[in-house]
Amino acid sequence: MNKVRLQSVKGEVREVDGKMFVPMGIHTPGLIRWAKAGFTGKKNDRAVSIIAESFGLKRSVVFALLSGEVDYEVDGDDVVFQWPDDPNKEDK
């Protein structure tokens, strides 16, 4: 089994054209909860596409995560779960 960690992205203060701003961060546990709430279970589910593209995961991994087939835990600001093979390989 592979331990998969989806890490949150923190917004960091940046200066652009002499102005300071903080770009929006991504709180991964909240993003996963949002995706699960909107998950339809259909093959072309938009939430699956968003999570798969955001984290570079296979759609089948994300489908299992959002459907509840795979349990996950929240570790700080990250989401962690187990997957039997490489979660980043292309689906066939």
Protein backbone atom coordinates (compact mmCIF):
# COMPACT_ATOMS: atom_id res chain seq x y z
CA MET A 1 0.00 0.00 0.00
CA ASN A 2 1.15 3.52 -0.79
CA LYS A 3 0.53 6.36 1.63
CA VAL A 4 -0.85 9.29 -0.35
CA ARG A 5 -0.61 12.80 1.12
CA LEU A 6 -2.55 15.65 -0.46
CA GLN A 7 -0.96 18.82 0.89
CA SER A 8 -2.63 22.15 1.45
CA VAL A 9 -1.18 25.23 -0.22
CA LYS A 10 -0.73 28.19 2.07
CA GLY A 11 -1.22 31.72 0.78
CA GLU A 12 2.01 33.67 1.14
CA VAL A 13 2.38 37.44 1.14
CA ARG A 14 3.76 38.59 -2.21
CA GLU A 15 4.63 41.92 -3.72
CA VAL A 16 3.45 42.70 -7.23
CA ASP A 17 3.99 46.12 -8.79
CA GLY A 18 4.84 47.55 -5.38
CA LYS A 19 1.62 46.28 -3.77
CA MET A 20 1.40 43.51 -1.18
CA PHE A 21 -1.23 40.80 -1.50
CA VAL A 22 -1.92 37.27 -0.30
CA PRO A 23 -3.12 34.85 -3.00
CA MET A 24 -5.75 32.39 -1.93
CA GLY A 25 -4.42 29.19 -0.38
CA ILE A 26 -5.98 25.76 -0.70
CA HIS A 27 -7.16 23.99 2.45
CA THR A 28 -7.17 20.39 1.25
CA PRO A 29 -9.53 18.92 3.89
CA GLY A 30 -12.09 21.61 3.03
CA LEU A 31 -11.62 21.02 -0.69
CA ILE A 32 -12.20 17.28 -0.26
CA ARG A 33 -15.33 17.91 1.87
CA TRP A 34 -16.61 20.31 -0.81
CA ALA A 35 -15.94 17.75 -3.56
CA LYS A 36 -17.64 14.94 -1.59
CA ALA A 37 -20.71 17.12 -1.04
CA GLY A 38 -21.04 17.74 -4.78
CA PHE A 39 -20.03 14.25 -5.91
CA THR A 40 -22.65 12.73 -8.21
CA GLY A 41 -21.12 9.29 -8.74
CA LYS A 42 -21.26 9.72 -12.51
CA LYS A 43 -18.26 8.87 -14.65
CA ASN A 44 -17.89 12.47 -15.86
CA ASP A 45 -18.28 14.03 -12.37
CA ARG A 46 -16.78 17.54 -12.35
CA ALA A 47 -15.54 17.24 -8.75
CA VAL A 48 -13.47 14.19 -9.75
CA SER A 49 -11.89 16.16 -12.59
CA ILE A 50 -11.06 19.12 -10.35
CA ILE A 51 -9.38 17.02 -7.64
CA ALA A 52 -7.59 14.76 -10.14
CA GLU A 53 -6.16 17.71 -12.06
CA SER A 54 -5.30 19.69 -8.92
CA PHE A 55 -3.27 16.91 -7.33
CA GLY A 56 -2.12 14.93 -10.39
CA LEU A 57 -4.07 11.82 -9.38
CA LYS A 58 -5.75 9.16 -11.48
CA ARG A 59 -9.49 9.69 -11.81
CA SER A 60 -10.10 6.20 -10.39
CA VAL A 61 -8.25 7.18 -7.19
CA VAL A 62 -10.29 10.35 -6.79
CA PHE A 63 -13.55 8.53 -7.57
CA ALA A 64 -12.77 6.00 -4.80
CA LEU A 65 -11.88 8.82 -2.39
CA LEU A 66 -15.00 10.88 -3.04
CA SER A 67 -17.35 7.89 -3.09
CA GLY A 68 -16.17 6.78 0.35
CA GLU A 69 -14.65 3.54 -0.96
CA VAL A 70 -11.33 4.78 0.46
CA ASP A 71 -11.13 6.20 3.97
CA TYR A 72 -8.92 9.20 4.59
CA GLU A 73 -7.68 11.06 7.61
CA VAL A 74 -6.87 14.69 8.15
CA ASP A 75 -3.30 15.28 9.31
CA GLY A 76 -2.93 18.97 10.13
CA ASP A 77 -3.89 20.73 6.89
CA ASP A 78 -3.32 17.65 4.72
CA VAL A 79 -5.44 14.68 3.64
CA VAL A 80 -3.82 11.24 3.91
CA PHE A 81 -5.04 7.86 2.61
CA GLN A 82 -3.72 4.48 1.47
CA TRP A 83 -3.75 3.30 -2.17
CA PRO A 84 -2.62 -0.13 -3.43
CA ASP A 85 -0.57 1.04 -6.42
CA ASP A 86 0.83 4.25 -7.90
CA PRO A 87 -1.94 6.87 -7.57
CA ASN A 88 -0.31 9.12 -10.15
CA LYS A 89 -0.11 6.73 -13.11
CA GLU A 90 -2.51 7.27 -15.98
CA ASP A 91 -5.73 5.27 -15.96
CA LYS A 92 -5.94 2.76 -18.77
